[in-house]
Amino acid sequence: MGSTAALEAKKSVVQEIVEKVKEAQSVVLVDYRGLNVDEATELRRKYSEANVDYTVYKNSLMSFAFKECGYEELVPYLKGPNAIAISKDDSVIAAKISQDFSKAHKNLELKAGMVDGKVLNLEEITKIASLPSREILLTQIAIGLNAPMSKTAQLLQALVEKRNAEQEQ
């Protein structure tokens, strides 16, 4: 492959990353070093089941893409082997799957992420991972709708305040 073709291929991959990140509600960077083949396959399956795109890209290509998207703050986390988990549908699920998997498999390490356009460090992305998923929040709301209207209003207010408080931290 000539250098021109190689450069075009790299530009194409950067553009692919940019498009995915721009459409994302959340992005999570993980260090997958030390996962064996079975663990990596299990992790990919969990992401896939939740409609989360999980891909390993070269750090240099992710760096260019993050800069193009305005997420330069993620670039310093691109050391060592990294993979990126991207969710278009749910701001919590990619972080939640990563966090849960890392508890059972110490070789997976969360590094940082982006949720709803805000870059988050490890501590912040870990807090996001502890939030209920969108499905659970919707279930909680549905259960609350069976209660008297005053209880429903209290539940909705509490859910909004909890989510806002945790996102601000």
N, C-alpha and C. Protein backbone atom coordinates (compact mmCIF):
# COMPACT_ATOMS: atom_id res chain seq x y z
N MET A 1 0.86 -1.17 0.00
CA MET A 1 0.00 0.00 0.00
C MET A 1 0.90 1.22 0.00
N GLY A 2 0.69 2.11 -0.93
CA GLY A 2 1.48 3.33 -1.00
C GLY A 2 1.14 4.26 0.14
N SER A 3 2.00 5.24 0.35
CA SER A 3 1.79 6.15 1.46
C SER A 3 0.52 6.98 1.28
N THR A 4 0.16 7.31 0.05
CA THR A 4 -1.07 8.05 -0.20
C THR A 4 -2.28 7.21 0.17
N ALA A 5 -2.27 5.96 -0.22
CA ALA A 5 -3.38 5.06 0.11
C ALA A 5 -3.47 4.84 1.62
N ALA A 6 -2.32 4.70 2.27
CA ALA A 6 -2.31 4.52 3.72
C ALA A 6 -2.86 5.75 4.42
N LEU A 7 -2.48 6.93 3.95
CA LEU A 7 -2.97 8.17 4.54
C LEU A 7 -4.49 8.29 4.37
N GLU A 8 -4.98 7.94 3.19
CA GLU A 8 -6.43 7.98 2.93
C GLU A 8 -7.17 7.00 3.83
N ALA A 9 -6.58 5.83 4.03
CA ALA A 9 -7.21 4.83 4.91
C ALA A 9 -7.29 5.36 6.34
N LYS A 10 -6.22 6.00 6.80
CA LYS A 10 -6.21 6.57 8.15
C LYS A 10 -7.24 7.69 8.27
N LYS A 11 -7.32 8.54 7.26
CA LYS A 11 -8.31 9.63 7.28
C LYS A 11 -9.72 9.06 7.33
N SER A 12 -9.93 7.98 6.63
CA SER A 12 -11.25 7.34 6.62
C SER A 12 -11.61 6.81 8.01
N VAL A 13 -10.64 6.21 8.69
CA VAL A 13 -10.89 5.69 10.04
C VAL A 13 -11.15 6.84 11.01
N VAL A 14 -10.37 7.92 10.91
CA VAL A 14 -10.59 9.09 11.77
C VAL A 14 -12.01 9.62 11.56
N GLN A 15 -12.43 9.70 10.30
CA GLN A 15 -13.78 10.19 9.99
C GLN A 15 -14.85 9.27 10.56
N GLU A 16 -14.60 7.97 10.51
CA GLU A 16 -15.52 6.98 11.10
C GLU A 16 -15.67 7.23 12.60
N ILE A 17 -14.54 7.44 13.29
CA ILE A 17 -14.57 7.70 14.73
C ILE A 17 -15.32 9.00 15.01
N VAL A 18 -15.02 10.04 14.24
CA VAL A 18 -15.67 11.35 14.42
C VAL A 18 -17.18 11.20 14.31
N GLU A 19 -17.64 10.51 13.29
CA GLU A 19 -19.08 10.33 13.10
C GLU A 19 -19.72 9.59 14.27
N LYS A 20 -19.06 8.54 14.74
CA LYS A 20 -19.60 7.77 15.87
C LYS A 20 -19.66 8.63 17.13
N VAL A 21 -18.59 9.37 17.39
CA VAL A 21 -18.52 10.19 18.61
C VAL A 21 -19.53 11.33 18.56
N LYS A 22 -19.69 11.95 17.40
CA LYS A 22 -20.65 13.05 17.28
C LYS A 22 -22.08 12.58 17.49
N GLU A 23 -22.38 11.36 17.13
CA GLU A 23 -23.73 10.81 17.30
C GLU A 23 -23.95 10.23 18.69
N ALA A 24 -22.90 10.13 19.48
CA ALA A 24 -22.96 9.41 20.76
C ALA A 24 -23.58 10.23 21.88
N GLN A 25 -24.33 9.53 22.73
CA GLN A 25 -24.74 10.11 24.00
C GLN A 25 -23.64 9.90 25.03
N SER A 26 -22.88 8.80 24.84
CA SER A 26 -21.77 8.55 25.76
C SER A 26 -20.65 7.79 25.06
N VAL A 27 -19.44 8.06 25.56
CA VAL A 27 -18.22 7.41 25.08
C VAL A 27 -17.43 7.02 26.32
N VAL A 28 -16.91 5.79 26.34
CA VAL A 28 -16.09 5.35 27.46
C VAL A 28 -14.79 4.78 26.91
N LEU A 29 -13.68 5.27 27.46
CA LEU A 29 -12.36 4.73 27.11
C LEU A 29 -11.98 3.69 28.15
N VAL A 30 -11.56 2.51 27.68
CA VAL A 30 -11.13 1.46 28.59
C VAL A 30 -9.77 0.91 28.16
N ASP A 31 -9.01 0.47 29.15
CA ASP A 31 -7.76 -0.25 28.92
C ASP A 31 -8.09 -1.73 29.06
N TYR A 32 -7.94 -2.45 27.97
CA TYR A 32 -8.33 -3.86 27.94
C TYR A 32 -7.14 -4.79 28.13
N ARG A 33 -5.97 -4.24 28.42
CA ARG A 33 -4.73 -5.01 28.56
C ARG A 33 -4.93 -6.17 29.55
N GLY A 34 -4.59 -7.34 29.14
CA GLY A 34 -4.65 -8.49 30.03
C GLY A 34 -5.91 -9.32 29.90
N LEU A 35 -6.91 -8.84 29.16
CA LEU A 35 -8.10 -9.68 28.97
C LEU A 35 -7.75 -10.83 28.04
N ASN A 36 -8.17 -12.03 28.41
CA ASN A 36 -7.92 -13.15 27.50
C ASN A 36 -9.01 -13.17 26.42
N VAL A 37 -8.90 -14.05 25.48
CA VAL A 37 -9.82 -14.09 24.35
C VAL A 37 -11.26 -14.31 24.81
N ASP A 38 -11.47 -15.22 25.75
CA ASP A 38 -12.83 -15.48 26.24
C ASP A 38 -13.42 -14.25 26.93
N GLU A 39 -12.61 -13.57 27.73
CA GLU A 39 -13.09 -12.37 28.42
C GLU A 39 -13.41 -11.26 27.42
N ALA A 40 -12.54 -11.07 26.44
CA ALA A 40 -12.77 -10.05 25.42
C ALA A 40 -14.04 -10.36 24.63
N THR A 41 -14.27 -11.61 24.34
CA THR A 41 -15.47 -12.02 23.61
C THR A 41 -16.72 -11.78 24.46
N GLU A 42 -16.63 -12.10 25.74
CA GLU A 42 -17.76 -11.86 26.64
C GLU A 42 -18.07 -10.37 26.75
N LEU A 43 -17.02 -9.55 26.85
CA LEU A 43 -17.22 -8.10 26.93
C LEU A 43 -17.87 -7.57 25.66
N ARG A 44 -17.39 -7.99 24.51
CA ARG A 44 -17.98 -7.58 23.23
C ARG A 44 -19.46 -7.98 23.15
N ARG A 45 -19.78 -9.18 23.63
CA ARG A 45 -21.16 -9.65 23.62
C ARG A 45 -22.05 -8.76 24.49
N LYS A 46 -21.56 -8.43 25.68
CA LYS A 46 -22.34 -7.58 26.59
C LYS A 46 -22.61 -6.20 25.96
N TYR A 47 -21.58 -5.62 25.36
CA TYR A 47 -21.76 -4.33 24.68
C TYR A 47 -22.76 -4.48 23.53
N SER A 48 -22.58 -5.51 22.74
CA SER A 48 -23.44 -5.72 21.57
C SER A 48 -24.90 -5.87 21.98
N GLU A 49 -25.16 -6.63 23.03
CA GLU A 49 -26.53 -6.83 23.51
C GLU A 49 -27.18 -5.51 23.93
N ALA A 50 -26.36 -4.55 24.37
CA ALA A 50 -26.88 -3.25 24.81
C ALA A 50 -26.81 -2.20 23.71
N ASN A 51 -26.50 -2.64 22.48
CA ASN A 51 -26.38 -1.73 21.33
C ASN A 51 -25.28 -0.68 21.55
N VAL A 52 -24.18 -1.12 22.14
CA VAL A 52 -23.01 -0.26 22.35
C VAL A 52 -21.93 -0.71 21.37
N ASP A 53 -21.37 0.26 20.64
CA ASP A 53 -20.31 -0.02 19.68
C ASP A 53 -18.99 -0.06 20.45
N TYR A 54 -18.29 -1.18 20.38
CA TYR A 54 -17.01 -1.36 21.08
C TYR A 54 -15.94 -1.67 20.04
N THR A 55 -14.94 -0.79 19.94
CA THR A 55 -13.92 -0.94 18.92
C THR A 55 -12.55 -0.55 19.46
N VAL A 56 -11.53 -1.23 18.97
CA VAL A 56 -10.16 -0.88 19.27
C VAL A 56 -9.63 -0.11 18.06
N TYR A 57 -9.18 1.11 18.31
CA TYR A 57 -8.55 1.93 17.28
C TYR A 57 -7.15 2.30 17.75
N LYS A 58 -6.32 2.70 16.83
CA LYS A 58 -5.01 3.22 17.20
C LYS A 58 -5.21 4.53 17.96
N ASN A 59 -4.40 4.73 19.00
CA ASN A 59 -4.50 5.93 19.81
C ASN A 59 -4.34 7.20 18.99
N SER A 60 -3.42 7.18 18.03
CA SER A 60 -3.18 8.38 17.22
C SER A 60 -4.43 8.75 16.42
N LEU A 61 -5.16 7.76 15.92
CA LEU A 61 -6.37 8.03 15.15
C LEU A 61 -7.49 8.55 16.06
N MET A 62 -7.61 7.96 17.26
CA MET A 62 -8.60 8.45 18.22
C MET A 62 -8.26 9.89 18.63
N SER A 63 -6.98 10.17 18.78
CA SER A 63 -6.54 11.52 19.16
C SER A 63 -7.00 12.54 18.12
N PHE A 64 -6.76 12.26 16.85
CA PHE A 64 -7.20 13.18 15.80
C PHE A 64 -8.71 13.36 15.83
N ALA A 65 -9.44 12.26 16.01
CA ALA A 65 -10.90 12.32 16.02
C ALA A 65 -11.41 13.12 17.22
N PHE A 66 -10.85 12.88 18.40
CA PHE A 66 -11.29 13.61 19.59
C PHE A 66 -11.04 15.11 19.43
N LYS A 67 -9.91 15.45 18.87
CA LYS A 67 -9.60 16.87 18.64
C LYS A 67 -10.61 17.47 17.67
N GLU A 68 -10.93 16.75 16.62
CA GLU A 68 -11.88 17.25 15.63
C GLU A 68 -13.27 17.44 16.23
N CYS A 69 -13.63 16.60 17.20
CA CYS A 69 -14.94 16.68 17.84
C CYS A 69 -14.97 17.69 18.98
N GLY A 70 -13.82 18.22 19.35
CA GLY A 70 -13.77 19.16 20.46
C GLY A 70 -13.61 18.50 21.82
N TYR A 71 -13.14 17.27 21.85
CA TYR A 71 -12.94 16.54 23.10
C TYR A 71 -11.45 16.32 23.36
N GLU A 72 -10.65 17.40 23.23
CA GLU A 72 -9.20 17.31 23.43
C GLU A 72 -8.85 16.77 24.81
N GLU A 73 -9.74 16.99 25.78
CA GLU A 73 -9.49 16.56 27.15
C GLU A 73 -9.35 15.03 27.26
N LEU A 74 -9.84 14.29 26.28
CA LEU A 74 -9.71 12.84 26.29
C LEU A 74 -8.34 12.37 25.81
N VAL A 75 -7.64 13.21 25.06
CA VAL A 75 -6.37 12.81 24.44
C VAL A 75 -5.33 12.34 25.47
N PRO A 76 -5.15 13.00 26.62
CA PRO A 76 -4.15 12.52 27.58
C PRO A 76 -4.40 11.10 28.10
N TYR A 77 -5.62 10.61 28.00
CA TYR A 77 -5.94 9.26 28.46
C TYR A 77 -5.53 8.19 27.45
N LEU A 78 -5.09 8.60 26.28
CA LEU A 78 -4.75 7.65 25.21
C LEU A 78 -3.33 7.15 25.33
N LYS A 79 -3.05 6.48 26.42
CA LYS A 79 -1.75 5.85 26.63
C LYS A 79 -1.99 4.36 26.85
N GLY A 80 -1.15 3.55 26.26
CA GLY A 80 -1.34 2.11 26.37
C GLY A 80 -2.46 1.65 25.46
N PRO A 81 -2.83 0.37 25.58
CA PRO A 81 -3.90 -0.16 24.73
C PRO A 81 -5.27 0.36 25.17
N ASN A 82 -6.01 0.91 24.24
CA ASN A 82 -7.33 1.47 24.54
C ASN A 82 -8.37 0.95 23.57
N ALA A 83 -9.57 0.84 24.10
CA ALA A 83 -10.73 0.56 23.28
C ALA A 83 -11.76 1.62 23.63
N ILE A 84 -12.71 1.80 22.74
CA ILE A 84 -13.72 2.82 22.95
C ILE A 84 -15.10 2.18 22.85
N ALA A 85 -15.94 2.47 23.84
CA ALA A 85 -17.32 1.98 23.86
C ALA A 85 -18.23 3.19 23.65
N ILE A 86 -19.08 3.11 22.63
CA ILE A 86 -19.90 4.25 22.25
C ILE A 86 -21.37 3.85 22.24
N SER A 87 -22.18 4.65 22.93
CA SER A 87 -23.63 4.42 22.94
C SER A 87 -24.35 5.62 22.35
N LYS A 88 -25.18 5.36 21.36
CA LYS A 88 -26.00 6.42 20.77
C LYS A 88 -27.31 6.57 21.52
N ASP A 89 -27.73 5.53 22.24
CA ASP A 89 -29.08 5.48 22.79
C ASP A 89 -29.20 5.79 24.28
N ASP A 90 -28.13 5.63 25.03
CA ASP A 90 -28.23 5.71 26.49
C ASP A 90 -26.95 6.32 27.04
N SER A 91 -27.09 7.33 27.88
CA SER A 91 -25.89 7.99 28.40
C SER A 91 -25.19 7.20 29.51
N VAL A 92 -25.82 6.18 30.03
CA VAL A 92 -25.26 5.46 31.17
C VAL A 92 -24.72 4.07 30.79
N ILE A 93 -25.31 3.43 29.82
CA ILE A 93 -25.10 1.99 29.60
C ILE A 93 -23.64 1.61 29.30
N ALA A 94 -22.93 2.37 28.49
CA ALA A 94 -21.54 2.01 28.17
C ALA A 94 -20.67 2.04 29.43
N ALA A 95 -20.86 3.06 30.26
CA ALA A 95 -20.10 3.16 31.51
C ALA A 95 -20.51 2.04 32.47
N LYS A 96 -21.81 1.75 32.54
CA LYS A 96 -22.31 0.71 33.45
C LYS A 96 -21.76 -0.67 33.08
N ILE A 97 -21.80 -1.02 31.80
CA ILE A 97 -21.28 -2.32 31.37
C ILE A 97 -19.78 -2.40 31.66
N SER A 98 -19.06 -1.33 31.35
CA SER A 98 -17.61 -1.31 31.59
C SER A 98 -17.30 -1.46 33.07
N GLN A 99 -18.00 -0.71 33.91
CA GLN A 99 -17.78 -0.77 35.35
C GLN A 99 -18.11 -2.15 35.91
N ASP A 100 -19.26 -2.68 35.54
CA ASP A 100 -19.67 -4.00 36.04
C ASP A 100 -18.68 -5.08 35.59
N PHE A 101 -18.25 -5.01 34.33
CA PHE A 101 -17.31 -6.01 33.82
C PHE A 101 -15.96 -5.89 34.54
N SER A 102 -15.53 -4.66 34.83
CA SER A 102 -14.23 -4.47 35.48
C SER A 102 -14.23 -4.98 36.92
N LYS A 103 -15.39 -5.03 37.55
CA LYS A 103 -15.48 -5.57 38.91
C LYS A 103 -15.19 -7.07 38.91
N ALA A 104 -15.66 -7.76 37.88
CA ALA A 104 -15.47 -9.20 37.78
C ALA A 104 -14.16 -9.57 37.07
N HIS A 105 -13.64 -8.65 36.28
CA HIS A 105 -12.42 -8.89 35.49
C HIS A 105 -11.47 -7.73 35.71
N LYS A 106 -10.55 -7.90 36.63
CA LYS A 106 -9.67 -6.81 37.05
C LYS A 106 -8.79 -6.27 35.92
N ASN A 107 -8.67 -7.01 34.81
CA ASN A 107 -7.82 -6.56 33.72
C ASN A 107 -8.48 -5.49 32.84
N LEU A 108 -9.75 -5.23 33.02
CA LEU A 108 -10.41 -4.15 32.30
C LEU A 108 -10.41 -2.92 33.20
N GLU A 109 -9.95 -1.81 32.67
CA GLU A 109 -9.83 -0.60 33.48
C GLU A 109 -10.52 0.57 32.77
N LEU A 110 -11.48 1.18 33.43
CA LEU A 110 -12.08 2.40 32.91
C LEU A 110 -11.06 3.52 33.02
N LYS A 111 -11.04 4.41 32.05
CA LYS A 111 -10.07 5.51 32.06
C LYS A 111 -10.75 6.87 32.11
N ALA A 112 -11.70 7.09 31.23
CA ALA A 112 -12.38 8.39 31.12
C ALA A 112 -13.55 8.21 30.17
N GLY A 113 -14.25 9.31 29.92
CA GLY A 113 -15.35 9.22 28.98
C GLY A 113 -15.97 10.55 28.68
N MET A 114 -17.07 10.49 27.96
CA MET A 114 -17.84 11.66 27.61
C MET A 114 -19.31 11.26 27.72
N VAL A 115 -20.09 12.10 28.38
CA VAL A 115 -21.52 11.86 28.49
C VAL A 115 -22.24 13.16 28.15
N ASP A 116 -23.13 13.06 27.20
CA ASP A 116 -23.93 14.21 26.76
C ASP A 116 -23.06 15.44 26.49
N GLY A 117 -21.91 15.22 25.83
CA GLY A 117 -21.03 16.31 25.43
C GLY A 117 -20.05 16.79 26.47
N LYS A 118 -20.07 16.21 27.65
CA LYS A 118 -19.15 16.63 28.72
C LYS A 118 -18.10 15.55 28.95
N VAL A 119 -16.82 15.95 28.90
CA VAL A 119 -15.73 15.01 29.15
C VAL A 119 -15.65 14.75 30.65
N LEU A 120 -15.52 13.47 31.01
CA LEU A 120 -15.50 13.06 32.41
C LEU A 120 -14.23 12.27 32.71
N ASN A 121 -13.66 12.52 33.89
CA ASN A 121 -12.50 11.75 34.32
C ASN A 121 -12.97 10.42 34.92
N LEU A 122 -12.03 9.63 35.43
CA LEU A 122 -12.36 8.31 35.96
C LEU A 122 -13.39 8.38 37.08
N GLU A 123 -13.21 9.28 38.02
CA GLU A 123 -14.14 9.39 39.14
C GLU A 123 -15.55 9.73 38.65
N GLU A 124 -15.65 10.66 37.73
CA GLU A 124 -16.96 11.08 37.22
C GLU A 124 -17.62 9.98 36.40
N ILE A 125 -16.85 9.30 35.57
CA ILE A 125 -17.44 8.24 34.73
C ILE A 125 -17.88 7.06 35.60
N THR A 126 -17.18 6.84 36.70
CA THR A 126 -17.57 5.78 37.64
C THR A 126 -18.89 6.13 38.32
N LYS A 127 -19.08 7.40 38.65
CA LYS A 127 -20.36 7.83 39.24
C LYS A 127 -21.50 7.65 38.25
N ILE A 128 -21.24 8.00 36.99
CA ILE A 128 -22.26 7.82 35.95
C ILE A 128 -22.63 6.34 35.84
N ALA A 129 -21.63 5.48 35.96
CA ALA A 129 -21.87 4.04 35.84
C ALA A 129 -22.79 3.52 36.94
N SER A 130 -22.85 4.22 38.07
CA SER A 130 -23.69 3.76 39.17
C SER A 130 -25.14 4.23 39.03
N LEU A 131 -25.41 5.11 38.06
CA LEU A 131 -26.79 5.54 37.84
C LEU A 131 -27.60 4.41 37.23
N PRO A 132 -28.90 4.39 37.49
CA PRO A 132 -29.73 3.38 36.84
C PRO A 132 -29.75 3.63 35.33
N SER A 133 -29.89 2.58 34.57
CA SER A 133 -29.99 2.73 33.11
C SER A 133 -31.33 3.36 32.76
N ARG A 134 -31.45 3.79 31.54
CA ARG A 134 -32.67 4.41 31.05
C ARG A 134 -33.85 3.46 31.23
N GLU A 135 -33.64 2.18 30.93
CA GLU A 135 -34.72 1.20 31.06
C GLU A 135 -35.20 1.10 32.51
N ILE A 136 -34.27 1.10 33.45
CA ILE A 136 -34.64 1.00 34.86
C ILE A 136 -35.38 2.26 35.30
N LEU A 137 -34.89 3.43 34.86
CA LEU A 137 -35.59 4.67 35.20
C LEU A 137 -37.02 4.66 34.65
N LEU A 138 -37.18 4.19 33.41
CA LEU A 138 -38.52 4.11 32.83
C LEU A 138 -39.40 3.13 33.58
N THR A 139 -38.82 2.03 34.01
CA THR A 139 -39.56 1.05 34.80
C THR A 139 -40.00 1.67 36.13
N GLN A 140 -39.09 2.39 36.76
CA GLN A 140 -39.43 3.04 38.03
C GLN A 140 -40.56 4.05 37.84
N ILE A 141 -40.54 4.76 36.73
CA ILE A 141 -41.60 5.72 36.44
C ILE A 141 -42.92 4.98 36.22
N ALA A 142 -42.89 3.89 35.46
CA ALA A 142 -44.12 3.13 35.20
C ALA A 142 -44.72 2.60 36.49
N ILE A 143 -43.89 2.11 37.39
CA ILE A 143 -44.37 1.62 38.68
C ILE A 143 -45.00 2.77 39.46
N GLY A 144 -44.33 3.91 39.40
CA GLY A 144 -44.83 5.08 40.10
C GLY A 144 -46.17 5.57 39.58
N LEU A 145 -46.43 5.35 38.28
CA LEU A 145 -47.70 5.80 37.71
C LEU A 145 -48.89 5.03 38.26
N ASN A 146 -48.63 3.89 38.86
CA ASN A 146 -49.71 3.12 39.47
C ASN A 146 -50.07 3.66 40.86
N ALA A 147 -49.22 4.47 41.41
CA ALA A 147 -49.46 5.05 42.74
C ALA A 147 -50.36 6.28 42.58
N PRO A 148 -50.88 6.78 43.69
CA PRO A 148 -51.67 8.02 43.61
C PRO A 148 -50.82 9.14 42.98
N MET A 149 -51.49 10.11 42.38
CA MET A 149 -50.80 11.17 41.64
C MET A 149 -49.77 11.91 42.49
N SER A 150 -50.02 12.12 43.73
CA SER A 150 -49.05 12.85 44.57
C SER A 150 -47.77 12.04 44.73
N LYS A 151 -47.90 10.73 44.88
CA LYS A 151 -46.71 9.89 44.99
C LYS A 151 -45.94 9.87 43.67
N THR A 152 -46.65 9.89 42.55
CA THR A 152 -46.01 9.91 41.24
C THR A 152 -45.20 11.19 41.07
N ALA A 153 -45.79 12.30 41.45
CA ALA A 153 -45.09 13.58 41.34
C ALA A 153 -43.83 13.57 42.21
N GLN A 154 -43.94 13.03 43.41
CA GLN A 154 -42.77 12.96 44.30
C GLN A 154 -41.68 12.07 43.71
N LEU A 155 -42.06 10.94 43.14
CA LEU A 155 -41.09 10.02 42.54
C LEU A 155 -40.38 10.68 41.37
N LEU A 156 -41.13 11.30 40.48
CA LEU A 156 -40.52 11.95 39.33
C LEU A 156 -39.56 13.06 39.77
N GLN A 157 -39.97 13.85 40.73
CA GLN A 157 -39.10 14.92 41.23
C GLN A 157 -37.83 14.34 41.84
N ALA A 158 -37.97 13.28 42.61
CA ALA A 158 -36.80 12.65 43.24
C ALA A 158 -35.85 12.08 42.19
N LEU A 159 -36.40 11.44 41.16
CA LEU A 159 -35.56 10.89 40.10
C LEU A 159 -34.80 11.99 39.37
N VAL A 160 -35.49 13.07 39.05
CA VAL A 160 -34.84 14.20 38.36
C VAL A 160 -33.75 14.80 39.25
N GLU A 161 -34.06 15.04 40.51
CA GLU A 161 -33.07 15.63 41.42
C GLU A 161 -31.87 14.71 41.60
N LYS A 162 -32.11 13.41 41.74
CA LYS A 162 -31.01 12.46 41.93
C LYS A 162 -30.10 12.45 40.70
N ARG A 163 -30.70 12.36 39.54
CA ARG A 163 -29.90 12.30 38.30
C ARG A 163 -29.14 13.62 38.09
N ASN A 164 -29.80 14.75 38.34
CA ASN A 164 -29.14 16.04 38.18
C ASN A 164 -27.99 16.20 39.18
N ALA A 165 -28.23 15.80 40.43
CA ALA A 165 -27.20 15.90 41.46
C ALA A 165 -25.98 15.05 41.12
N GLU A 166 -26.23 13.83 40.65
CA GLU A 166 -25.12 12.94 40.32
C GLU A 166 -24.38 13.40 39.07
N GLN A 167 -25.09 14.01 38.13
CA GLN A 167 -24.42 14.50 36.92
C GLN A 167 -23.59 15.74 37.23
N GLU A 168 -24.03 16.55 38.20
CA GLU A 168 -23.27 17.74 38.56
C GLU A 168 -21.99 17.40 39.30
N GLN A 169 -21.96 16.25 39.96
CA GLN A 169 -20.78 15.88 40.73
C GLN A 169 -19.77 15.37 39.84
